[in-house]
Amino acid sequence: MYDEVRYEDCWFARFYPVWFMVKRLGMVAMVFQFKYTQGMVLTVLHLYLLEIGAVLVFKPFVNWYYTKLELYNSGVAYVFLLVIQIFSKQHPEDYSEEDKKIKVSE
């Protein structure tokens, strides 16, 4: 797929394969860095939004099919992360009194 990147016309296309790996390594680092899930989810959510915008603006692929594939990949991940963010209990005051009394064992 990365054979179809148009390196001559677009500076973002030269950076895109590196961005792909940096994004993956950043996600692994966030798992160990953030104590709370919402910090990690919000950071990755904004990264995906940034990537969707950059792919739409710079169109780094020669073939439009690969551009749509990357947009679909990022869009699906963005929607799933948005669902996690919307439907998760983010603050301790959101929990009921019964939930606060439950002991969690590992």
PDB file of N, CA and C in Angstrom:
ATOM      1  N   MET A   1       0.821  -1.185   0.000  1.00  0.00           N
ATOM      2  CA  MET A   1       0.000   0.000   0.000  1.00  0.00           C
ATOM      3  C   MET A   1       0.871   1.257   0.000  1.00  0.00           C
ATOM      4  N   TYR A   2       1.986   1.213   0.711  1.00  0.00           N
ATOM      5  CA  TYR A   2       2.831   2.409   0.777  1.00  0.00           C
ATOM      6  C   TYR A   2       3.675   2.594  -0.474  1.00  0.00           C
ATOM      7  N   ASP A   3       3.591   1.650  -1.421  1.00  0.00           N
ATOM      8  CA  ASP A   3       4.204   1.870  -2.728  1.00  0.00           C
ATOM      9  C   ASP A   3       3.415   2.905  -3.520  1.00  0.00           C
ATOM     10  N   GLU A   4       2.168   3.127  -3.136  1.00  0.00           N
ATOM     11  CA  GLU A   4       1.293   4.065  -3.828  1.00  0.00           C
ATOM     12  C   GLU A   4       1.326   5.473  -3.229  1.00  0.00           C
ATOM     13  N   VAL A   5       2.266   5.739  -2.330  1.00  0.00           N
ATOM     14  CA  VAL A   5       2.365   7.073  -1.730  1.00  0.00           C
ATOM     15  C   VAL A   5       3.065   7.992  -2.726  1.00  0.00           C
ATOM     16  N   ARG A   6       2.516   9.175  -2.916  1.00  0.00           N
ATOM     17  CA  ARG A   6       3.098  10.119  -3.891  1.00  0.00           C
ATOM     18  C   ARG A   6       4.106  11.024  -3.189  1.00  0.00           C
ATOM     19  N   TYR A   7       5.340  10.617  -3.225  1.00  0.00           N
ATOM     20  CA  TYR A   7       6.405  11.317  -2.513  1.00  0.00           C
ATOM     21  C   TYR A   7       6.821  12.622  -3.187  1.00  0.00           C
ATOM     22  N   GLU A   8       6.660  12.733  -4.494  1.00  0.00           N
ATOM     23  CA  GLU A   8       7.168  13.898  -5.222  1.00  0.00           C
ATOM     24  C   GLU A   8       6.379  15.159  -4.927  1.00  0.00           C
ATOM     25  N   ASP A   9       5.066  15.041  -4.848  1.00  0.00           N
ATOM     26  CA  ASP A   9       4.218  16.230  -4.795  1.00  0.00           C
ATOM     27  C   ASP A   9       3.839  16.680  -3.394  1.00  0.00           C
ATOM     28  N   CYS A  10       4.058  15.842  -2.395  1.00  0.00           N
ATOM     29  CA  CYS A  10       3.447  16.122  -1.091  1.00  0.00           C
ATOM     30  C   CYS A  10       4.434  15.838   0.039  1.00  0.00           C
ATOM     31  N   TRP A  11       4.719  16.859   0.853  1.00  0.00           N
ATOM     32  CA  TRP A  11       5.636  16.649   1.973  1.00  0.00           C
ATOM     33  C   TRP A  11       5.022  15.723   3.010  1.00  0.00           C
ATOM     34  N   PHE A  12       3.701  15.756   3.168  1.00  0.00           N
ATOM     35  CA  PHE A  12       3.034  14.890   4.139  1.00  0.00           C
ATOM     36  C   PHE A  12       3.160  13.421   3.746  1.00  0.00           C
ATOM     37  N   ALA A  13       3.226  13.156   2.441  1.00  0.00           N
ATOM     38  CA  ALA A  13       3.373  11.783   1.973  1.00  0.00           C
ATOM     39  C   ALA A  13       4.720  11.204   2.388  1.00  0.00           C
ATOM     40  N   ARG A  14       5.749  12.020   2.435  1.00  0.00           N
ATOM     41  CA  ARG A  14       7.059  11.543   2.907  1.00  0.00           C
ATOM     42  C   ARG A  14       7.011  11.227   4.398  1.00  0.00           C
ATOM     43  N   PHE A  15       6.233  11.965   5.123  1.00  0.00           N
ATOM     44  CA  PHE A  15       6.143  11.805   6.574  1.00  0.00           C
ATOM     45  C   PHE A  15       5.132  10.732   6.983  1.00  0.00           C
ATOM     46  N   TYR A  16       4.210  10.376   6.097  1.00  0.00           N
ATOM     47  CA  TYR A  16       3.090   9.515   6.481  1.00  0.00           C
ATOM     48  C   TYR A  16       3.494   8.131   6.987  1.00  0.00           C
ATOM     49  N   PRO A  17       4.405   7.392   6.341  1.00  0.00           N
ATOM     50  CA  PRO A  17       4.806   6.092   6.909  1.00  0.00           C
ATOM     51  C   PRO A  17       5.449   6.224   8.296  1.00  0.00           C
ATOM     52  N   VAL A  18       6.203   7.286   8.493  1.00  0.00           N
ATOM     53  CA  VAL A  18       6.802   7.535   9.815  1.00  0.00           C
ATOM     54  C   VAL A  18       5.699   7.864  10.814  1.00  0.00           C
ATOM     55  N   TRP A  19       4.727   8.681  10.397  1.00  0.00           N
ATOM     56  CA  TRP A  19       3.601   9.044  11.257  1.00  0.00           C
ATOM     57  C   TRP A  19       2.828   7.805  11.702  1.00  0.00           C
ATOM     58  N   PHE A  20       2.656   6.859  10.776  1.00  0.00           N
ATOM     59  CA  PHE A  20       1.936   5.633  11.082  1.00  0.00           C
ATOM     60  C   PHE A  20       2.614   4.884  12.236  1.00  0.00           C
ATOM     61  N   MET A  21       3.934   4.757  12.196  1.00  0.00           N
ATOM     62  CA  MET A  21       4.661   4.037  13.245  1.00  0.00           C
ATOM     63  C   MET A  21       4.722   4.856  14.539  1.00  0.00           C
ATOM     64  N   VAL A  22       4.905   6.164  14.427  1.00  0.00           N
ATOM     65  CA  VAL A  22       4.947   7.014  15.628  1.00  0.00           C
ATOM     66  C   VAL A  22       3.610   6.968  16.354  1.00  0.00           C
ATOM     67  N   LYS A  23       2.521   6.948  15.577  1.00  0.00           N
ATOM     68  CA  LYS A  23       1.186   6.872  16.186  1.00  0.00           C
ATOM     69  C   LYS A  23       1.021   5.565  16.964  1.00  0.00           C
ATOM     70  N   ARG A  24       1.465   4.469  16.385  1.00  0.00           N
ATOM     71  CA  ARG A  24       1.354   3.169  17.066  1.00  0.00           C
ATOM     72  C   ARG A  24       2.222   3.129  18.329  1.00  0.00           C
ATOM     73  N   LEU A  25       3.443   3.628  18.246  1.00  0.00           N
ATOM     74  CA  LEU A  25       4.321   3.661  19.426  1.00  0.00           C
ATOM     75  C   LEU A  25       3.780   4.617  20.490  1.00  0.00           C
ATOM     76  N   GLY A  26       3.180   5.707  20.037  1.00  0.00           N
ATOM     77  CA  GLY A  26       2.565   6.640  20.982  1.00  0.00           C
ATOM     78  C   GLY A  26       1.411   6.022  21.737  1.00  0.00           C
ATOM     79  N   MET A  27       0.640   5.184  21.064  1.00  0.00           N
ATOM     80  CA  MET A  27      -0.471   4.507  21.736  1.00  0.00           C
ATOM     81  C   MET A  27       0.045   3.560  22.809  1.00  0.00           C
ATOM     82  N   VAL A  28       1.116   2.864  22.523  1.00  0.00           N
ATOM     83  CA  VAL A  28       1.706   1.966  23.523  1.00  0.00           C
ATOM     84  C   VAL A  28       2.235   2.784  24.708  1.00  0.00           C
ATOM     85  N   ALA A  29       2.869   3.904  24.432  1.00  0.00           N
ATOM     86  CA  ALA A  29       3.379   4.754  25.507  1.00  0.00           C
ATOM     87  C   ALA A  29       2.242   5.315  26.353  1.00  0.00           C
ATOM     88  N   MET A  30       1.111   5.652  25.716  1.00  0.00           N
ATOM     89  CA  MET A  30      -0.018   6.198  26.464  1.00  0.00           C
ATOM     90  C   MET A  30      -0.626   5.173  27.408  1.00  0.00           C
ATOM     91  N   VAL A  31      -0.581   3.912  27.015  1.00  0.00           N
ATOM     92  CA  VAL A  31      -1.121   2.872  27.887  1.00  0.00           C
ATOM     93  C   VAL A  31      -0.364   2.852  29.206  1.00  0.00           C
ATOM     94  N   PHE A  32       0.942   3.060  29.139  1.00  0.00           N
ATOM     95  CA  PHE A  32       1.751   3.043  30.356  1.00  0.00           C
ATOM     96  C   PHE A  32       1.787   4.396  31.055  1.00  0.00           C
ATOM     97  N   GLN A  33       1.526   5.488  30.335  1.00  0.00           N
ATOM     98  CA  GLN A  33       1.620   6.825  30.909  1.00  0.00           C
ATOM     99  C   GLN A  33       0.351   7.240  31.647  1.00  0.00           C
ATOM    100  N   PHE A  34      -0.796   7.056  31.043  1.00  0.00           N
ATOM    101  CA  PHE A  34      -2.032   7.565  31.624  1.00  0.00           C
ATOM    102  C   PHE A  34      -2.580   6.603  32.668  1.00  0.00           C
ATOM    103  N   LYS A  35      -2.966   7.162  33.793  1.00  0.00           N
ATOM    104  CA  LYS A  35      -3.555   6.364  34.850  1.00  0.00           C
ATOM    105  C   LYS A  35      -5.039   6.126  34.591  1.00  0.00           C
ATOM    106  N   TYR A  36      -5.668   7.090  33.951  1.00  0.00           N
ATOM    107  CA  TYR A  36      -7.100   7.011  33.699  1.00  0.00           C
ATOM    108  C   TYR A  36      -7.366   6.825  32.215  1.00  0.00           C
ATOM    109  N   THR A  37      -8.380   6.066  31.912  1.00  0.00           N
ATOM    110  CA  THR A  37      -8.698   5.726  30.525  1.00  0.00           C
ATOM    111  C   THR A  37      -9.099   6.953  29.719  1.00  0.00           C
ATOM    112  N   GLN A  38      -9.819   7.892  30.316  1.00  0.00           N
ATOM    113  CA  GLN A  38     -10.308   9.009  29.524  1.00  0.00           C
ATOM    114  C   GLN A  38      -9.172   9.874  28.991  1.00  0.00           C
ATOM    115  N   GLY A  39      -8.063   9.970  29.695  1.00  0.00           N
ATOM    116  CA  GLY A  39      -6.920  10.721  29.172  1.00  0.00           C
ATOM    117  C   GLY A  39      -6.352  10.072  27.933  1.00  0.00           C
ATOM    118  N   MET A  40      -6.227   8.768  27.977  1.00  0.00           N
ATOM    119  CA  MET A  40      -5.717   8.036  26.828  1.00  0.00           C
ATOM    120  C   MET A  40      -6.693   8.123  25.655  1.00  0.00           C
ATOM    121  N   VAL A  41      -7.975   7.917  25.932  1.00  0.00           N
ATOM    122  CA  VAL A  41      -8.975   7.921  24.865  1.00  0.00           C
ATOM    123  C   VAL A  41      -9.060   9.300  24.220  1.00  0.00           C
ATOM    124  N   LEU A  42      -9.049  10.360  25.011  1.00  0.00           N
ATOM    125  CA  LEU A  42      -9.127  11.704  24.447  1.00  0.00           C
ATOM    126  C   LEU A  42      -7.901  12.041  23.609  1.00  0.00           C
ATOM    127  N   THR A  43      -6.729  11.611  24.047  1.00  0.00           N
ATOM    128  CA  THR A  43      -5.513  11.879  23.277  1.00  0.00           C
ATOM    129  C   THR A  43      -5.553  11.155  21.942  1.00  0.00           C
ATOM    130  N   VAL A  44      -5.901   9.873  21.955  1.00  0.00           N
ATOM    131  CA  VAL A  44      -5.959   9.096  20.717  1.00  0.00           C
ATOM    132  C   VAL A  44      -7.089   9.612  19.823  1.00  0.00           C
ATOM    133  N   LEU A  45      -8.185  10.031  20.420  1.00  0.00           N
ATOM    134  CA  LEU A  45      -9.301  10.580  19.658  1.00  0.00           C
ATOM    135  C   LEU A  45      -8.858  11.808  18.860  1.00  0.00           C
ATOM    136  N   HIS A  46      -8.118  12.688  19.507  1.00  0.00           N
ATOM    137  CA  HIS A  46      -7.639  13.885  18.820  1.00  0.00           C
ATOM    138  C   HIS A  46      -6.576  13.544  17.770  1.00  0.00           C
ATOM    139  N   LEU A  47      -5.753  12.541  18.038  1.00  0.00           N
ATOM    140  CA  LEU A  47      -4.774  12.114  17.031  1.00  0.00           C
ATOM    141  C   LEU A  47      -5.462  11.592  15.772  1.00  0.00           C
ATOM    142  N   TYR A  48      -6.508  10.801  15.951  1.00  0.00           N
ATOM    143  CA  TYR A  48      -7.239  10.292  14.791  1.00  0.00           C
ATOM    144  C   TYR A  48      -7.940  11.415  14.042  1.00  0.00           C
ATOM    145  N   LEU A  49      -8.484  12.378  14.755  1.00  0.00           N
ATOM    146  CA  LEU A  49      -9.129  13.508  14.098  1.00  0.00           C
ATOM    147  C   LEU A  49      -8.105  14.308  13.291  1.00  0.00           C
ATOM    148  N   LEU A  50      -6.930  14.500  13.856  1.00  0.00           N
ATOM    149  CA  LEU A  50      -5.842  15.180  13.154  1.00  0.00           C
ATOM    150  C   LEU A  50      -5.432  14.398  11.905  1.00  0.00           C
ATOM    151  N   GLU A  51      -5.345  13.087  12.020  1.00  0.00           N
ATOM    152  CA  GLU A  51      -4.965  12.264  10.877  1.00  0.00           C
ATOM    153  C   GLU A  51      -6.018  12.294   9.771  1.00  0.00           C
ATOM    154  N   ILE A  52      -7.285  12.226  10.143  1.00  0.00           N
ATOM    155  CA  ILE A  52      -8.356  12.290   9.146  1.00  0.00           C
ATOM    156  C   ILE A  52      -8.278  13.616   8.387  1.00  0.00           C
ATOM    157  N   GLY A  53      -8.099  14.695   9.113  1.00  0.00           N
ATOM    158  CA  GLY A  53      -7.981  16.002   8.464  1.00  0.00           C
ATOM    159  C   GLY A  53      -6.774  16.102   7.550  1.00  0.00           C
ATOM    160  N   ALA A  54      -5.633  15.572   8.002  1.00  0.00           N
ATOM    161  CA  ALA A  54      -4.418  15.642   7.192  1.00  0.00           C
ATOM    162  C   ALA A  54      -4.542  14.793   5.923  1.00  0.00           C
ATOM    163  N   VAL A  55      -5.128  13.613   6.029  1.00  0.00           N
ATOM    164  CA  VAL A  55      -5.297  12.761   4.840  1.00  0.00           C
ATOM    165  C   VAL A  55      -6.275  13.409   3.866  1.00  0.00           C
ATOM    166  N   LEU A  56      -7.316  14.048   4.368  1.00  0.00           N
ATOM    167  CA  LEU A  56      -8.269  14.725   3.479  1.00  0.00           C
ATOM    168  C   LEU A  56      -7.645  15.940   2.793  1.00  0.00           C
ATOM    169  N   VAL A  57      -6.818  16.663   3.495  1.00  0.00           N
ATOM    170  CA  VAL A  57      -6.232  17.875   2.920  1.00  0.00           C
ATOM    171  C   VAL A  57      -5.087  17.547   1.962  1.00  0.00           C
ATOM    172  N   PHE A  58      -4.158  16.666   2.385  1.00  0.00           N
ATOM    173  CA  PHE A  58      -2.950  16.437   1.598  1.00  0.00           C
ATOM    174  C   PHE A  58      -3.071  15.304   0.583  1.00  0.00           C
ATOM    175  N   LYS A  59      -4.014  14.397   0.767  1.00  0.00           N
ATOM    176  CA  LYS A  59      -4.210  13.252  -0.145  1.00  0.00           C
ATOM    177  C   LYS A  59      -2.877  12.596  -0.506  1.00  0.00           C
ATOM    178  N   PRO A  60      -2.255  11.900   0.454  1.00  0.00           N
ATOM    179  CA  PRO A  60      -0.894  11.401   0.239  1.00  0.00           C
ATOM    180  C   PRO A  60      -0.780  10.195  -0.696  1.00  0.00           C
ATOM    181  N   PHE A  61      -1.877   9.588  -1.126  1.00  0.00           N
ATOM    182  CA  PHE A  61      -1.812   8.385  -1.958  1.00  0.00           C
ATOM    183  C   PHE A  61      -2.143   8.708  -3.401  1.00  0.00           C
ATOM    184  N   VAL A  62      -1.471   8.008  -4.311  1.00  0.00           N
ATOM    185  CA  VAL A  62      -1.736   8.170  -5.738  1.00  0.00           C
ATOM    186  C   VAL A  62      -3.124   7.635  -6.073  1.00  0.00           C
ATOM    187  N   ASN A  63      -3.430   6.480  -5.558  1.00  0.00           N
ATOM    188  CA  ASN A  63      -4.703   5.823  -5.834  1.00  0.00           C
ATOM    189  C   ASN A  63      -5.743   6.277  -4.803  1.00  0.00           C
ATOM    190  N   TRP A  64      -6.896   6.733  -5.267  1.00  0.00           N
ATOM    191  CA  TRP A  64      -7.945   7.212  -4.363  1.00  0.00           C
ATOM    192  C   TRP A  64      -8.472   6.096  -3.473  1.00  0.00           C
ATOM    193  N   TYR A  65      -8.380   4.840  -3.930  1.00  0.00           N
ATOM    194  CA  TYR A  65      -8.830   3.693  -3.145  1.00  0.00           C
ATOM    195  C   TYR A  65      -8.073   3.610  -1.818  1.00  0.00           C
ATOM    196  N   TYR A  66      -6.766   3.822  -1.849  1.00  0.00           N
ATOM    197  CA  TYR A  66      -5.974   3.750  -0.619  1.00  0.00           C
ATOM    198  C   TYR A  66      -6.271   4.918   0.312  1.00  0.00           C
ATOM    199  N   THR A  67      -6.572   6.054  -0.263  1.00  0.00           N
ATOM    200  CA  THR A  67      -6.964   7.201   0.568  1.00  0.00           C
ATOM    201  C   THR A  67      -8.267   6.895   1.288  1.00  0.00           C
ATOM    202  N   LYS A  68      -9.239   6.328   0.555  1.00  0.00           N
ATOM    203  CA  LYS A  68     -10.513   5.966   1.185  1.00  0.00           C
ATOM    204  C   LYS A  68     -10.302   4.892   2.250  1.00  0.00           C
ATOM    205  N   LEU A  69      -9.383   3.961   1.992  1.00  0.00           N
ATOM    206  CA  LEU A  69      -9.101   2.907   2.956  1.00  0.00           C
ATOM    207  C   LEU A  69      -8.525   3.476   4.252  1.00  0.00           C
ATOM    208  N   GLU A  70      -7.599   4.409   4.143  1.00  0.00           N
ATOM    209  CA  GLU A  70      -7.023   5.055   5.327  1.00  0.00           C
ATOM    210  C   GLU A  70      -8.067   5.896   6.062  1.00  0.00           C
ATOM    211  N   LEU A  71      -8.907   6.593   5.303  1.00  0.00           N
ATOM    212  CA  LEU A  71      -9.969   7.382   5.942  1.00  0.00           C
ATOM    213  C   LEU A  71     -10.967   6.481   6.651  1.00  0.00           C
ATOM    214  N   TYR A  72     -11.290   5.363   6.049  1.00  0.00           N
ATOM    215  CA  TYR A  72     -12.209   4.410   6.673  1.00  0.00           C
ATOM    216  C   TYR A  72     -11.597   3.845   7.960  1.00  0.00           C
ATOM    217  N   ASN A  73     -10.325   3.484   7.908  1.00  0.00           N
ATOM    218  CA  ASN A  73      -9.631   2.957   9.081  1.00  0.00           C
ATOM    219  C   ASN A  73      -9.640   3.978  10.224  1.00  0.00           C
ATOM    220  N   SER A  74      -9.255   5.188   9.918  1.00  0.00           N
ATOM    221  CA  SER A  74      -9.229   6.226  10.955  1.00  0.00           C
ATOM    222  C   SER A  74     -10.630   6.595  11.413  1.00  0.00           C
ATOM    223  N   GLY A  75     -11.580   6.623  10.494  1.00  0.00           N
ATOM    224  CA  GLY A  75     -12.957   6.974  10.855  1.00  0.00           C
ATOM    225  C   GLY A  75     -13.598   5.952  11.773  1.00  0.00           C
ATOM    226  N   VAL A  76     -13.386   4.675  11.489  1.00  0.00           N
ATOM    227  CA  VAL A  76     -13.937   3.619  12.347  1.00  0.00           C
ATOM    228  C   VAL A  76     -13.306   3.676  13.733  1.00  0.00           C
ATOM    229  N   ALA A  77     -11.990   3.848  13.790  1.00  0.00           N
ATOM    230  CA  ALA A  77     -11.317   3.964  15.091  1.00  0.00           C
ATOM    231  C   ALA A  77     -11.826   5.190  15.849  1.00  0.00           C
ATOM    232  N   TYR A  78     -12.033   6.299  15.138  1.00  0.00           N
ATOM    233  CA  TYR A  78     -12.542   7.519  15.765  1.00  0.00           C
ATOM    234  C   TYR A  78     -13.935   7.300  16.347  1.00  0.00           C
ATOM    235  N   VAL A  79     -14.810   6.649  15.588  1.00  0.00           N
ATOM    236  CA  VAL A  79     -16.177   6.398  16.070  1.00  0.00           C
ATOM    237  C   VAL A  79     -16.161   5.469  17.285  1.00  0.00           C
ATOM    238  N   PHE A  80     -15.361   4.414  17.236  1.00  0.00           N
ATOM    239  CA  PHE A  80     -15.292   3.502  18.385  1.00  0.00           C
ATOM    240  C   PHE A  80     -14.765   4.208  19.631  1.00  0.00           C
ATOM    241  N   LEU A  81     -13.740   5.028  19.461  1.00  0.00           N
ATOM    242  CA  LEU A  81     -13.208   5.772  20.606  1.00  0.00           C
ATOM    243  C   LEU A  81     -14.215   6.800  21.116  1.00  0.00           C
ATOM    244  N   LEU A  82     -14.972   7.385  20.212  1.00  0.00           N
ATOM    245  CA  LEU A  82     -16.003   8.333  20.615  1.00  0.00           C
ATOM    246  C   LEU A  82     -17.092   7.638  21.426  1.00  0.00           C
ATOM    247  N   VAL A  83     -17.470   6.436  21.029  1.00  0.00           N
ATOM    248  CA  VAL A  83     -18.467   5.663  21.778  1.00  0.00           C
ATOM    249  C   VAL A  83     -17.937   5.340  23.170  1.00  0.00           C
ATOM    250  N   ILE A  84     -16.680   4.947  23.255  1.00  0.00           N
ATOM    251  CA  ILE A  84     -16.077   4.671  24.567  1.00  0.00           C
ATOM    252  C   ILE A  84     -16.102   5.921  25.426  1.00  0.00           C
ATOM    253  N   GLN A  85     -15.739   7.065  24.839  1.00  0.00           N
ATOM    254  CA  GLN A  85     -15.695   8.305  25.602  1.00  0.00           C
ATOM    255  C   GLN A  85     -17.083   8.738  26.052  1.00  0.00           C
ATOM    256  N   ILE A  86     -18.070   8.590  25.197  1.00  0.00           N
ATOM    257  CA  ILE A  86     -19.420   9.058  25.530  1.00  0.00           C
ATOM    258  C   ILE A  86     -20.068   8.191  26.604  1.00  0.00           C
ATOM    259  N   PHE A  87     -19.896   6.884  26.503  1.00  0.00           N
ATOM    260  CA  PHE A  87     -20.626   5.985  27.382  1.00  0.00           C
ATOM    261  C   PHE A  87     -19.845   5.484  28.585  1.00  0.00           C
ATOM    262  N   SER A  88     -18.666   6.029  28.844  1.00  0.00           N
ATOM    263  CA  SER A  88     -17.928   5.601  30.034  1.00  0.00           C
ATOM    264  C   SER A  88     -18.188   6.586  31.178  1.00  0.00           C
ATOM    265  N   LYS A  89     -18.120   6.072  32.372  1.00  0.00           N
ATOM    266  CA  LYS A  89     -18.247   6.938  33.549  1.00  0.00           C
ATOM    267  C   LYS A  89     -16.875   7.542  33.808  1.00  0.00           C
ATOM    268  N   GLN A  90     -16.797   8.843  33.698  1.00  0.00           N
ATOM    269  CA  GLN A  90     -15.492   9.484  33.692  1.00  0.00           C
ATOM    270  C   GLN A  90     -15.079  10.066  35.035  1.00  0.00           C
ATOM    271  N   HIS A  91     -16.020  10.348  35.886  1.00  0.00           N
ATOM    272  CA  HIS A  91     -15.685  11.005  37.141  1.00  0.00           C
ATOM    273  C   HIS A  91     -16.226  10.190  38.302  1.00  0.00           C
ATOM    274  N   PRO A  92     -15.525  10.175  39.426  1.00  0.00           N
ATOM    275  CA  PRO A  92     -16.009   9.408  40.583  1.00  0.00           C
ATOM    276  C   PRO A  92     -17.396   9.838  41.050  1.00  0.00           C
ATOM    277  N   GLU A  93     -17.755  11.100  40.859  1.00  0.00           N
ATOM    278  CA  GLU A  93     -19.084  11.539  41.297  1.00  0.00           C
ATOM    279  C   GLU A  93     -20.192  11.001  40.401  1.00  0.00           C
ATOM    280  N   ASP A  94     -19.828  10.457  39.232  1.00  0.00           N
ATOM    281  CA  ASP A  94     -20.823   9.842  38.360  1.00  0.00           C
ATOM    282  C   ASP A  94     -21.289   8.484  38.869  1.00  0.00           C
ATOM    283  N   TYR A  95     -20.522   7.887  39.740  1.00  0.00           N
ATOM    284  CA  TYR A  95     -20.861   6.555  40.236  1.00  0.00           C
ATOM    285  C   TYR A  95     -21.917   6.652  41.334  1.00  0.00           C
ATOM    286  N   SER A  96     -22.791   5.659  41.389  1.00  0.00           N
ATOM    287  CA  SER A  96     -23.793   5.633  42.449  1.00  0.00           C
ATOM    288  C   SER A  96     -23.136   5.187  43.751  1.00  0.00           C
ATOM    289  N   GLU A  97     -23.852   5.331  44.841  1.00  0.00           N
ATOM    290  CA  GLU A  97     -23.317   4.913  46.145  1.00  0.00           C
ATOM    291  C   GLU A  97     -23.057   3.410  46.169  1.00  0.00           C
ATOM    292  N   GLU A  98     -23.907   2.627  45.493  1.00  0.00           N
ATOM    293  CA  GLU A  98     -23.693   1.186  45.432  1.00  0.00           C
ATOM    294  C   GLU A  98     -22.406   0.843  44.685  1.00  0.00           C
ATOM    295  N   ASP A  99     -22.151   1.567  43.599  1.00  0.00           N
ATOM    296  CA  ASP A  99     -20.929   1.316  42.843  1.00  0.00           C
ATOM    297  C   ASP A  99     -19.685   1.651  43.652  1.00  0.00           C
ATOM    298  N   LYS A 100     -19.765   2.669  44.473  1.00  0.00           N
ATOM    299  CA  LYS A 100     -18.599   3.084  45.260  1.00  0.00           C
ATOM    300  C   LYS A 100     -18.258   2.055  46.334  1.00  0.00           C
ATOM    301  N   LYS A 101     -19.235   1.243  46.763  1.00  0.00           N
ATOM    302  CA  LYS A 101     -18.997   0.258  47.805  1.00  0.00           C
ATOM    303  C   LYS A 101     -18.435  -1.054  47.289  1.00  0.00           C
ATOM    304  N   ILE A 102     -18.458  -1.257  45.980  1.00  0.00           N
ATOM    305  CA  ILE A 102     -17.988  -2.537  45.405  1.00  0.00           C
ATOM    306  C   ILE A 102     -16.469  -2.598  45.478  1.00  0.00           C
ATOM    307  N   LYS A 103     -15.977  -3.689  46.001  1.00  0.00           N
ATOM    308  CA  LYS A 103     -14.538  -3.931  46.054  1.00  0.00           C
ATOM    309  C   LYS A 103     -14.123  -4.647  44.778  1.00  0.00           C
ATOM    310  N   VAL A 104     -13.106  -4.133  44.141  1.00  0.00           N
ATOM    311  CA  VAL A 104     -12.618  -4.737  42.906  1.00  0.00           C
ATOM    312  C   VAL A 104     -11.400  -5.579  43.250  1.00  0.00           C
ATOM    313  N   SER A 105     -11.449  -6.845  42.863  1.00  0.00           N
ATOM    314  CA  SER A 105     -10.303  -7.705  43.104  1.00  0.00           C
ATOM    315  C   SER A 105      -9.674  -8.074  41.757  1.00  0.00           C
ATOM    316  N   GLU A 106      -8.381  -8.271  41.786  1.00  0.00           N
ATOM    317  CA  GLU A 106      -7.690  -8.571  40.537  1.00  0.00           C
ATOM    318  C   GLU A 106      -7.358 -10.015  40.418  1.00  0.00           C
TER     319      GLU A 106
END
